[in-house]
All heavy atoms as atom14 arrays in JSON, in Angstrom:
{
  "sequence": "RFVIRWARALTGRTQILVFNGCYHGTVDDVFVDLVHGQPRTRDS",
  "atom14_mask": [
    [1, 1, 1, 1, 1, 1, 1, 1, 1, 1, 1, 0, 0, 0],
    [1, 1, 1, 1, 1, 1, 1, 1, 1, 1, 1, 0, 0, 0],
    [1, 1, 1, 1, 1, 1, 1, 0, 0, 0, 0, 0, 0, 0],
    [1, 1, 1, 1, 1, 1, 1, 1, 0, 0, 0, 0, 0, 0],
    [1, 1, 1, 1, 1, 1, 1, 1, 1, 1, 1, 0, 0, 0],
    [1, 1, 1, 1, 1, 1, 1, 1, 1, 1, 1, 1, 1, 1],
    [1, 1, 1, 1, 1, 0, 0, 0, 0, 0, 0, 0, 0, 0],
    [1, 1, 1, 1, 1, 1, 1, 1, 1, 1, 1, 0, 0, 0],
    [1, 1, 1, 1, 1, 0, 0, 0, 0, 0, 0, 0, 0, 0],
    [1, 1, 1, 1, 1, 1, 1, 1, 0, 0, 0, 0, 0, 0],
    [1, 1, 1, 1, 1, 1, 1, 0, 0, 0, 0, 0, 0, 0],
    [1, 1, 1, 1, 0, 0, 0, 0, 0, 0, 0, 0, 0, 0],
    [1, 1, 1, 1, 1, 1, 1, 1, 1, 1, 1, 0, 0, 0],
    [1, 1, 1, 1, 1, 1, 1, 0, 0, 0, 0, 0, 0, 0],
    [1, 1, 1, 1, 1, 1, 1, 1, 1, 0, 0, 0, 0, 0],
    [1, 1, 1, 1, 1, 1, 1, 1, 0, 0, 0, 0, 0, 0],
    [1, 1, 1, 1, 1, 1, 1, 1, 0, 0, 0, 0, 0, 0],
    [1, 1, 1, 1, 1, 1, 1, 0, 0, 0, 0, 0, 0, 0],
    [1, 1, 1, 1, 1, 1, 1, 1, 1, 1, 1, 0, 0, 0],
    [1, 1, 1, 1, 1, 1, 1, 1, 0, 0, 0, 0, 0, 0],
    [1, 1, 1, 1, 0, 0, 0, 0, 0, 0, 0, 0, 0, 0],
    [1, 1, 1, 1, 1, 1, 0, 0, 0, 0, 0, 0, 0, 0],
    [1, 1, 1, 1, 1, 1, 1, 1, 1, 1, 1, 1, 0, 0],
    [1, 1, 1, 1, 1, 1, 1, 1, 1, 1, 0, 0, 0, 0],
    [1, 1, 1, 1, 0, 0, 0, 0, 0, 0, 0, 0, 0, 0],
    [1, 1, 1, 1, 1, 1, 1, 0, 0, 0, 0, 0, 0, 0],
    [1, 1, 1, 1, 1, 1, 1, 0, 0, 0, 0, 0, 0, 0],
    [1, 1, 1, 1, 1, 1, 1, 1, 0, 0, 0, 0, 0, 0],
    [1, 1, 1, 1, 1, 1, 1, 1, 0, 0, 0, 0, 0, 0],
    [1, 1, 1, 1, 1, 1, 1, 0, 0, 0, 0, 0, 0, 0],
    [1, 1, 1, 1, 1, 1, 1, 1, 1, 1, 1, 0, 0, 0],
    [1, 1, 1, 1, 1, 1, 1, 0, 0, 0, 0, 0, 0, 0],
    [1, 1, 1, 1, 1, 1, 1, 1, 0, 0, 0, 0, 0, 0],
    [1, 1, 1, 1, 1, 1, 1, 1, 0, 0, 0, 0, 0, 0],
    [1, 1, 1, 1, 1, 1, 1, 0, 0, 0, 0, 0, 0, 0],
    [1, 1, 1, 1, 1, 1, 1, 1, 1, 1, 0, 0, 0, 0],
    [1, 1, 1, 1, 0, 0, 0, 0, 0, 0, 0, 0, 0, 0],
    [1, 1, 1, 1, 1, 1, 1, 1, 1, 0, 0, 0, 0, 0],
    [1, 1, 1, 1, 1, 1, 1, 0, 0, 0, 0, 0, 0, 0],
    [1, 1, 1, 1, 1, 1, 1, 1, 1, 1, 1, 0, 0, 0],
    [1, 1, 1, 1, 1, 1, 1, 0, 0, 0, 0, 0, 0, 0],
    [1, 1, 1, 1, 1, 1, 1, 1, 1, 1, 1, 0, 0, 0],
    [1, 1, 1, 1, 1, 1, 1, 1, 0, 0, 0, 0, 0, 0],
    [1, 1, 1, 1, 1, 1, 0, 0, 0, 0, 0, 0, 0, 0]
  ],
  "atom14_positions": [
    [[9.9, -1.2, 1.15], [9.85, -0.84, -0.28], [10.45, -1.96, -1.13], [9.9, -2.35, -2.16], [10.62, 0.48, -0.48], [10.48, 1.09, -1.86], [11.21, 2.43, -1.92], [10.56, 3.43, -1.07], [11.09, 3.96, 0.02], [12.3, 3.59, 0.43], [10.44, 4.86, 0.71], [0.0, 0.0, 0.0], [0.0, 0.0, 0.0], [0.0, 0.0, 0.0]],
    [[11.58, -2.49, -0.68], [12.24, -3.55, -1.44], [11.41, -4.84, -1.43], [11.32, -5.53, -2.44], [13.63, -3.82, -0.87], [14.56, -2.64, -0.91], [15.63, -2.56, -0.04], [14.36, -1.59, -1.81], [16.5, -1.47, -0.07], [15.21, -0.5, -1.85], [16.3, -0.45, -0.97], [0.0, 0.0, 0.0], [0.0, 0.0, 0.0], [0.0, 0.0, 0.0]],
    [[10.81, -5.17, -0.3], [9.98, -6.38, -0.22], [8.8, -6.28, -1.18], [8.44, -7.27, -1.84], [9.5, -6.61, 1.23], [8.36, -7.6, 1.27], [10.66, -7.1, 2.09], [0.0, 0.0, 0.0], [0.0, 0.0, 0.0], [0.0, 0.0, 0.0], [0.0, 0.0, 0.0], [0.0, 0.0, 0.0], [0.0, 0.0, 0.0], [0.0, 0.0, 0.0]],
    [[8.2, -5.11, -1.28], [7.09, -4.93, -2.22], [7.57, -5.17, -3.65], [6.9, -5.84, -4.45], [6.47, -3.53, -2.07], [5.71, -3.43, -0.74], [5.54, -3.21, -3.25], [5.25, -2.01, -0.4], [0.0, 0.0, 0.0], [0.0, 0.0, 0.0], [0.0, 0.0, 0.0], [0.0, 0.0, 0.0], [0.0, 0.0, 0.0], [0.0, 0.0, 0.0]],
    [[8.75, -4.66, -3.98], [9.3, -4.89, -5.33], [9.53, -6.38, -5.58], [9.2, -6.92, -6.64], [10.6, -4.12, -5.5], [10.43, -2.65, -5.84], [11.78, -2.03, -6.14], [11.64, -0.67, -6.58], [11.48, -0.29, -7.86], [11.44, -1.23, -8.8], [11.37, 0.97, -8.19], [0.0, 0.0, 0.0], [0.0, 0.0, 0.0], [0.0, 0.0, 0.0]],
    [[10.14, -7.06, -4.6], [10.37, -8.49, -4.76], [9.06, -9.24, -4.95], [8.94, -10.12, -5.8], [11.09, -9.05, -3.53], [12.56, -8.77, -3.46], [13.21, -8.05, -2.49], [13.57, -9.22, -4.36], [14.56, -8.02, -2.75], [14.81, -8.75, -3.88], [13.55, -10.0, -5.52], [16.03, -9.0, -4.53], [14.75, -10.25, -6.16], [15.97, -9.77, -5.68]],
    [[8.06, -8.88, -4.14], [6.78, -9.59, -4.23], [6.15, -9.43, -5.6], [5.61, -10.39, -6.18], [5.83, -9.06, -3.15], [0.0, 0.0, 0.0], [0.0, 0.0, 0.0], [0.0, 0.0, 0.0], [0.0, 0.0, 0.0], [0.0, 0.0, 0.0], [0.0, 0.0, 0.0], [0.0, 0.0, 0.0], [0.0, 0.0, 0.0], [0.0, 0.0, 0.0]],
    [[6.19, -8.23, -6.13], [5.63, -8.0, -7.47], [6.44, -8.73, -8.53], [5.9, -9.3, -9.49], [5.58, -6.5, -7.75], [4.46, -5.78, -6.99], [4.55, -4.28, -7.12], [3.33, -3.64, -6.62], [3.26, -2.38, -6.2], [4.35, -1.62, -6.22], [2.12, -1.87, -5.78], [0.0, 0.0, 0.0], [0.0, 0.0, 0.0], [0.0, 0.0, 0.0]],
    [[7.77, -8.73, -8.34], [8.63, -9.37, -9.35], [8.42, -10.88, -9.4], [8.37, -11.48, -10.48], [10.09, -9.06, -9.04], [0.0, 0.0, 0.0], [0.0, 0.0, 0.0], [0.0, 0.0, 0.0], [0.0, 0.0, 0.0], [0.0, 0.0, 0.0], [0.0, 0.0, 0.0], [0.0, 0.0, 0.0], [0.0, 0.0, 0.0], [0.0, 0.0, 0.0]],
    [[8.29, -11.52, -8.24], [8.23, -12.98, -8.28], [6.82, -13.54, -8.4], [6.65, -14.72, -8.68], [8.97, -13.59, -7.08], [8.49, -13.27, -5.67], [7.49, -14.3, -5.21], [9.69, -13.26, -4.72], [0.0, 0.0, 0.0], [0.0, 0.0, 0.0], [0.0, 0.0, 0.0], [0.0, 0.0, 0.0], [0.0, 0.0, 0.0], [0.0, 0.0, 0.0]],
    [[5.79, -12.67, -8.24], [4.42, -13.14, -8.47], [3.87, -12.68, -9.82], [2.88, -13.24, -10.3], [3.46, -12.63, -7.38], [3.4, -11.19, -7.43], [3.9, -13.09, -6.0], [0.0, 0.0, 0.0], [0.0, 0.0, 0.0], [0.0, 0.0, 0.0], [0.0, 0.0, 0.0], [0.0, 0.0, 0.0], [0.0, 0.0, 0.0], [0.0, 0.0, 0.0]],
    [[4.47, -11.64, -10.39], [3.93, -11.06, -11.62], [2.65, -10.28, -11.4], [1.95, -9.94, -12.36], [0.0, 0.0, 0.0], [0.0, 0.0, 0.0], [0.0, 0.0, 0.0], [0.0, 0.0, 0.0], [0.0, 0.0, 0.0], [0.0, 0.0, 0.0], [0.0, 0.0, 0.0], [0.0, 0.0, 0.0], [0.0, 0.0, 0.0], [0.0, 0.0, 0.0]],
    [[2.34, -9.95, -10.15], [1.12, -9.2, -9.82], [1.48, -7.77, -9.43], [2.56, -7.51, -8.89], [0.39, -9.86, -8.65], [-0.03, -11.31, -8.92], [-0.63, -11.94, -7.68], [-1.07, -13.31, -7.9], [-1.69, -14.06, -6.98], [-1.91, -13.56, -5.76], [-2.06, -15.29, -7.26], [0.0, 0.0, 0.0], [0.0, 0.0, 0.0], [0.0, 0.0, 0.0]],
    [[0.57, -6.84, -9.68], [0.85, -5.43, -9.39], [0.27, -4.95, -8.06], [0.76, -3.99, -7.48], [0.29, -4.53, -10.5], [-1.13, -4.72, -10.59], [0.93, -4.86, -11.85], [0.0, 0.0, 0.0], [0.0, 0.0, 0.0], [0.0, 0.0, 0.0], [0.0, 0.0, 0.0], [0.0, 0.0, 0.0], [0.0, 0.0, 0.0], [0.0, 0.0, 0.0]],
    [[-0.78, -5.58, -7.59], [-1.5, -5.09, -6.42], [-0.81, -5.49, -5.11], [-0.21, -6.56, -5.01], [-2.92, -5.67, -6.4], [-3.77, -5.29, -7.6], [-4.21, -3.83, -7.53], [-4.7, -3.36, -6.51], [-4.05, -3.13, -8.64], [0.0, 0.0, 0.0], [0.0, 0.0, 0.0], [0.0, 0.0, 0.0], [0.0, 0.0, 0.0], [0.0, 0.0, 0.0]],
    [[-0.89, -4.6, -4.1], [-0.53, -4.98, -2.74], [-1.72, -4.66, -1.84], [-2.61, -3.89, -2.22], [0.74, -4.27, -2.22], [0.49, -2.76, -2.03], [1.91, -4.53, -3.14], [1.54, -2.09, -1.17], [0.0, 0.0, 0.0], [0.0, 0.0, 0.0], [0.0, 0.0, 0.0], [0.0, 0.0, 0.0], [0.0, 0.0, 0.0], [0.0, 0.0, 0.0]],
    [[-1.72, -5.24, -0.65], [-2.82, -5.06, 0.29], [-2.25, -4.62, 1.64], [-1.27, -5.2, 2.13], [-3.6, -6.36, 0.46], [-4.78, -6.36, 1.43], [-5.87, -5.38, 0.98], [-5.35, -7.77, 1.57], [0.0, 0.0, 0.0], [0.0, 0.0, 0.0], [0.0, 0.0, 0.0], [0.0, 0.0, 0.0], [0.0, 0.0, 0.0], [0.0, 0.0, 0.0]],
    [[-2.86, -3.57, 2.23], [-2.47, -3.09, 3.55], [-3.73, -2.88, 4.38], [-4.85, -2.94, 3.87], [-1.67, -1.77, 3.46], [-0.36, -1.96, 2.72], [-2.5, -0.66, 2.81], [0.0, 0.0, 0.0], [0.0, 0.0, 0.0], [0.0, 0.0, 0.0], [0.0, 0.0, 0.0], [0.0, 0.0, 0.0], [0.0, 0.0, 0.0], [0.0, 0.0, 0.0]],
    [[-3.52, -2.62, 5.67], [-4.65, -2.36, 6.56], [-4.83, -0.86, 6.77], [-3.85, -0.11, 6.87], [-4.45, -3.06, 7.9], [-4.56, -4.55, 7.83], [-3.47, -5.37, 8.03], [-5.79, -5.15, 7.51], [-3.58, -6.75, 7.95], [-5.91, -6.53, 7.42], [-4.8, -7.33, 7.64], [0.0, 0.0, 0.0], [0.0, 0.0, 0.0], [0.0, 0.0, 0.0]],
    [[-6.05, -0.45, 6.86], [-6.38, 0.96, 7.07], [-5.72, 1.49, 8.34], [-5.86, 0.9, 9.4], [-7.9, 1.12, 7.17], [-8.33, 2.56, 7.29], [-7.79, 3.44, 6.63], [-9.31, 2.81, 8.15], [0.0, 0.0, 0.0], [0.0, 0.0, 0.0], [0.0, 0.0, 0.0], [0.0, 0.0, 0.0], [0.0, 0.0, 0.0], [0.0, 0.0, 0.0]],
    [[-5.0, 2.6, 8.19], [-4.3, 3.19, 9.33], [-2.92, 2.61, 9.56], [-2.28, 2.9, 10.57], [0.0, 0.0, 0.0], [0.0, 0.0, 0.0], [0.0, 0.0, 0.0], [0.0, 0.0, 0.0], [0.0, 0.0, 0.0], [0.0, 0.0, 0.0], [0.0, 0.0, 0.0], [0.0, 0.0, 0.0], [0.0, 0.0, 0.0], [0.0, 0.0, 0.0]],
    [[-2.43, 1.8, 8.62], [-1.14, 1.14, 8.79], [0.01, 2.15, 8.75], [-0.14, 3.29, 8.32], [-0.92, 0.11, 7.68], [-0.63, 0.83, 6.04], [0.0, 0.0, 0.0], [0.0, 0.0, 0.0], [0.0, 0.0, 0.0], [0.0, 0.0, 0.0], [0.0, 0.0, 0.0], [0.0, 0.0, 0.0], [0.0, 0.0, 0.0], [0.0, 0.0, 0.0]],
    [[1.16, 1.68, 9.21], [2.38, 2.48, 9.07], [3.53, 1.56, 8.73], [3.84, 0.62, 9.48], [2.71, 3.25, 10.35], [3.94, 4.1, 10.21], [3.92, 5.26, 9.42], [5.13, 3.74, 10.81], [5.05, 6.04, 9.27], [6.28, 4.51, 10.67], [6.23, 5.66, 9.9], [7.36, 6.43, 9.73], [0.0, 0.0, 0.0], [0.0, 0.0, 0.0]],
    [[4.18, 1.83, 7.59], [5.34, 1.06, 7.16], [6.43, 2.01, 6.68], [7.11, 1.74, 5.69], [4.95, 0.07, 6.07], [3.91, -0.92, 6.5], [4.18, -1.93, 7.4], [2.59, -1.02, 6.2], [3.07, -2.63, 7.63], [2.1, -2.1, 6.91], [0.0, 0.0, 0.0], [0.0, 0.0, 0.0], [0.0, 0.0, 0.0], [0.0, 0.0, 0.0]],
    [[6.59, 3.13, 7.39], [7.6, 4.1, 7.02], [7.13, 4.99, 5.89], [5.94, 5.3, 5.77], [0.0, 0.0, 0.0], [0.0, 0.0, 0.0], [0.0, 0.0, 0.0], [0.0, 0.0, 0.0], [0.0, 0.0, 0.0], [0.0, 0.0, 0.0], [0.0, 0.0, 0.0], [0.0, 0.0, 0.0], [0.0, 0.0, 0.0], [0.0, 0.0, 0.0]],
    [[8.06, 5.39, 5.03], [7.76, 6.37, 3.98], [7.53, 5.72, 2.62], [7.79, 6.32, 1.58], [8.9, 7.39, 3.87], [10.13, 6.69, 3.61], [9.05, 8.18, 5.16], [0.0, 0.0, 0.0], [0.0, 0.0, 0.0], [0.0, 0.0, 0.0], [0.0, 0.0, 0.0], [0.0, 0.0, 0.0], [0.0, 0.0, 0.0], [0.0, 0.0, 0.0]],
    [[7.04, 4.49, 2.62], [6.76, 3.79, 1.36], [5.49, 4.36, 0.74], [4.41, 4.25, 1.32], [6.59, 2.28, 1.62], [6.37, 1.54, 0.31], [7.8, 1.71, 2.36], [0.0, 0.0, 0.0], [0.0, 0.0, 0.0], [0.0, 0.0, 0.0], [0.0, 0.0, 0.0], [0.0, 0.0, 0.0], [0.0, 0.0, 0.0], [0.0, 0.0, 0.0]],
    [[5.61, 4.95, -0.43], [4.45, 5.59, -1.05], [3.26, 4.65, -1.17], [2.12, 5.03, -0.94], [4.81, 6.08, -2.47], [5.67, 7.34, -2.45], [6.0, 7.79, -1.34], [6.01, 7.84, -3.53], [0.0, 0.0, 0.0], [0.0, 0.0, 0.0], [0.0, 0.0, 0.0], [0.0, 0.0, 0.0], [0.0, 0.0, 0.0], [0.0, 0.0, 0.0]],
    [[3.53, 3.39, -1.55], [2.44, 2.45, -1.85], [1.47, 2.24, -0.7], [0.33, 1.83, -0.93], [3.04, 1.08, -2.22], [3.98, 1.15, -3.39], [5.1, 1.67, -3.21], [3.63, 0.67, -4.48], [0.0, 0.0, 0.0], [0.0, 0.0, 0.0], [0.0, 0.0, 0.0], [0.0, 0.0, 0.0], [0.0, 0.0, 0.0], [0.0, 0.0, 0.0]],
    [[1.89, 2.47, 0.55], [1.04, 2.07, 1.68], [0.13, 3.18, 2.18], [-0.7, 2.95, 3.06], [1.9, 1.56, 2.86], [2.8, 0.43, 2.39], [2.71, 2.68, 3.51], [0.0, 0.0, 0.0], [0.0, 0.0, 0.0], [0.0, 0.0, 0.0], [0.0, 0.0, 0.0], [0.0, 0.0, 0.0], [0.0, 0.0, 0.0], [0.0, 0.0, 0.0]],
    [[0.24, 4.39, 1.65], [-0.54, 5.52, 2.18], [-1.94, 5.57, 1.56], [-2.33, 6.56, 0.94], [0.2, 6.84, 1.94], [1.39, 7.01, 2.85], [2.66, 6.64, 2.43], [1.24, 7.55, 4.12], [3.76, 6.8, 3.26], [2.33, 7.71, 4.96], [3.59, 7.34, 4.54], [0.0, 0.0, 0.0], [0.0, 0.0, 0.0], [0.0, 0.0, 0.0]],
    [[-2.69, 4.5, 1.75], [-4.06, 4.43, 1.26], [-4.98, 4.2, 2.46], [-4.83, 3.22, 3.19], [-4.24, 3.31, 0.23], [-5.71, 3.17, -0.16], [-3.39, 3.59, -1.0], [0.0, 0.0, 0.0], [0.0, 0.0, 0.0], [0.0, 0.0, 0.0], [0.0, 0.0, 0.0], [0.0, 0.0, 0.0], [0.0, 0.0, 0.0], [0.0, 0.0, 0.0]],
    [[-5.89, 5.13, 2.68], [-6.85, 5.04, 3.78], [-8.22, 4.66, 3.27], [-8.52, 4.82, 2.07], [-6.95, 6.39, 4.51], [-5.67, 6.77, 5.22], [-4.95, 5.86, 5.65], [-5.4, 7.97, 5.34], [0.0, 0.0, 0.0], [0.0, 0.0, 0.0], [0.0, 0.0, 0.0], [0.0, 0.0, 0.0], [0.0, 0.0, 0.0], [0.0, 0.0, 0.0]],
    [[-9.05, 4.18, 4.17], [-10.46, 3.99, 3.86], [-11.24, 5.19, 4.38], [-11.18, 5.52, 5.57], [-10.99, 2.72, 4.53], [-10.5, 1.39, 3.96], [-11.1, 0.24, 4.75], [-10.87, 1.26, 2.48], [0.0, 0.0, 0.0], [0.0, 0.0, 0.0], [0.0, 0.0, 0.0], [0.0, 0.0, 0.0], [0.0, 0.0, 0.0], [0.0, 0.0, 0.0]],
    [[-11.94, 5.86, 3.48], [-12.77, 7.01, 3.84], [-14.2, 6.65, 3.46], [-14.51, 6.5, 2.28], [-12.3, 8.29, 3.13], [-13.18, 9.47, 3.52], [-10.83, 8.59, 3.46], [0.0, 0.0, 0.0], [0.0, 0.0, 0.0], [0.0, 0.0, 0.0], [0.0, 0.0, 0.0], [0.0, 0.0, 0.0], [0.0, 0.0, 0.0], [0.0, 0.0, 0.0]],
    [[-15.05, 6.48, 4.46], [-16.42, 6.01, 4.24], [-16.42, 4.72, 3.42], [-17.24, 4.51, 2.51], [-17.26, 7.09, 3.53], [-17.27, 8.41, 4.24], [-17.73, 8.55, 5.54], [-16.86, 9.64, 3.84], [-17.61, 9.82, 5.9], [-17.09, 10.49, 4.89], [0.0, 0.0, 0.0], [0.0, 0.0, 0.0], [0.0, 0.0, 0.0], [0.0, 0.0, 0.0]],
    [[-15.44, 3.86, 3.76], [-15.37, 2.55, 3.12], [-14.71, 2.53, 1.77], [-14.59, 1.45, 1.17], [0.0, 0.0, 0.0], [0.0, 0.0, 0.0], [0.0, 0.0, 0.0], [0.0, 0.0, 0.0], [0.0, 0.0, 0.0], [0.0, 0.0, 0.0], [0.0, 0.0, 0.0], [0.0, 0.0, 0.0], [0.0, 0.0, 0.0], [0.0, 0.0, 0.0]],
    [[-14.26, 3.69, 1.27], [-13.64, 3.76, -0.05], [-12.16, 4.09, 0.07], [-11.77, 4.93, 0.89], [-14.33, 4.82, -0.91], [-15.8, 4.53, -1.19], [-16.0, 3.21, -1.91], [-15.32, 2.92, -2.89], [-16.92, 2.39, -1.39], [0.0, 0.0, 0.0], [0.0, 0.0, 0.0], [0.0, 0.0, 0.0], [0.0, 0.0, 0.0], [0.0, 0.0, 0.0]],
    [[-11.3, 3.46, -0.74], [-9.86, 3.74, -0.67], [-9.54, 5.14, -1.19], [-10.11, 5.59, -2.2], [-9.24, 2.66, -1.57], [-10.33, 2.27, -2.5], [-11.61, 2.42, -1.74], [0.0, 0.0, 0.0], [0.0, 0.0, 0.0], [0.0, 0.0, 0.0], [0.0, 0.0, 0.0], [0.0, 0.0, 0.0], [0.0, 0.0, 0.0], [0.0, 0.0, 0.0]],
    [[-8.64, 5.82, -0.49], [-8.23, 7.17, -0.91], [-6.79, 7.42, -0.47], [-6.4, 7.04, 0.64], [-9.15, 8.22, -0.28], [-8.94, 9.62, -0.87], [-10.01, 10.58, -0.39], [-9.72, 11.09, 0.95], [-10.56, 11.86, 1.64], [-11.74, 12.17, 1.13], [-10.23, 12.31, 2.84], [0.0, 0.0, 0.0], [0.0, 0.0, 0.0], [0.0, 0.0, 0.0]],
    [[-6.01, 8.03, -1.33], [-4.65, 8.4, -0.96], [-4.7, 9.31, 0.26], [-5.5, 10.25, 0.31], [-3.95, 9.12, -2.13], [-3.9, 8.24, -3.26], [-2.53, 9.52, -1.75], [0.0, 0.0, 0.0], [0.0, 0.0, 0.0], [0.0, 0.0, 0.0], [0.0, 0.0, 0.0], [0.0, 0.0, 0.0], [0.0, 0.0, 0.0], [0.0, 0.0, 0.0]],
    [[-3.86, 9.03, 1.24], [-3.88, 9.8, 2.49], [-3.67, 11.29, 2.21], [-2.75, 11.68, 1.48], [-2.8, 9.28, 3.44], [-2.88, 9.85, 4.84], [-1.98, 9.07, 5.79], [-2.41, 7.68, 5.87], [-1.74, 6.74, 6.55], [-0.62, 7.05, 7.17], [-2.19, 5.5, 6.58], [0.0, 0.0, 0.0], [0.0, 0.0, 0.0], [0.0, 0.0, 0.0]],
    [[-4.51, 12.12, 2.8], [-4.49, 13.55, 2.55], [-3.14, 14.19, 2.89], [-2.73, 15.16, 2.26], [-5.6, 14.25, 3.35], [-7.0, 13.91, 2.85], [-7.12, 13.49, 1.67], [-7.95, 14.04, 3.63], [0.0, 0.0, 0.0], [0.0, 0.0, 0.0], [0.0, 0.0, 0.0], [0.0, 0.0, 0.0], [0.0, 0.0, 0.0], [0.0, 0.0, 0.0]],
    [[-2.46, 13.65, 3.89], [-1.22, 14.27, 4.36], [0.0, 13.93, 3.51], [1.08, 14.48, 3.75], [-0.95, 13.83, 5.8], [-0.82, 12.41, 5.87], [0.0, 0.0, 0.0], [0.0, 0.0, 0.0], [0.0, 0.0, 0.0], [0.0, 0.0, 0.0], [0.0, 0.0, 0.0], [0.0, 0.0, 0.0], [0.0, 0.0, 0.0], [0.0, 0.0, 0.0]]
  ]
}
């Protein structure tokens, strides 16, 4: 969570990129799955 904040702060960019099915703990930002090729907040 902190690394994502630092990255946004020092690049001035808002977007982050993760891999489908990833796990990085309970960081809200990473719970995005690909469903039929489209990004969607994880149902769970």
